[in-house]
């Protein structure tokens, strides 16, 4: 369906913090299907190419989105194909079998590639509509990023992103 495309890599600048957000499949789909709400606002912010924000998702996530669109939402495919390049997302390659095996047991198997991809790209936030799916077992430590819902992400970083982005113009 969609061709492999790697967006502009996020370069963290020492003067102003660039927030790197990894988008789960459900956030991208929700943003494409609705013209309002937090998922759509996040996608729209990414299309602005603000210096304070860069986005990423995994090849696994894109495969999941495309599979869902082909099964249930054929009419949305043209919108997906038109809108995705505008996001300029970094596309994280599929995790290795070794990585999947090493992470097995931390969360549900279907979510391991998402988690591994977010870790691999050094995300600051993993934005998902299914936070419960990424809950860590007790005593297993922390992830190197915050796992938040789309609205929580906007509450935490929207003001900072807009301030930094407007000061660069």
Foldseek 3Di string as FASTA:
>chain_A
DDDDDFFDAQDADPVAGAAEEEEALVLCVVLLVDCDDLSVVVLVVLLVVFNNYAYAYEPLSVVVNVVCCVVPNVVSVVSCRVSVVSNRHGYFYFDDPVQLVVCPPQFDSSCSRRLVRCLVSQHQEYEDPCLVRNDGDPPPDDRSHYYYHSVVVCVVPVVSRVVRRVVVD
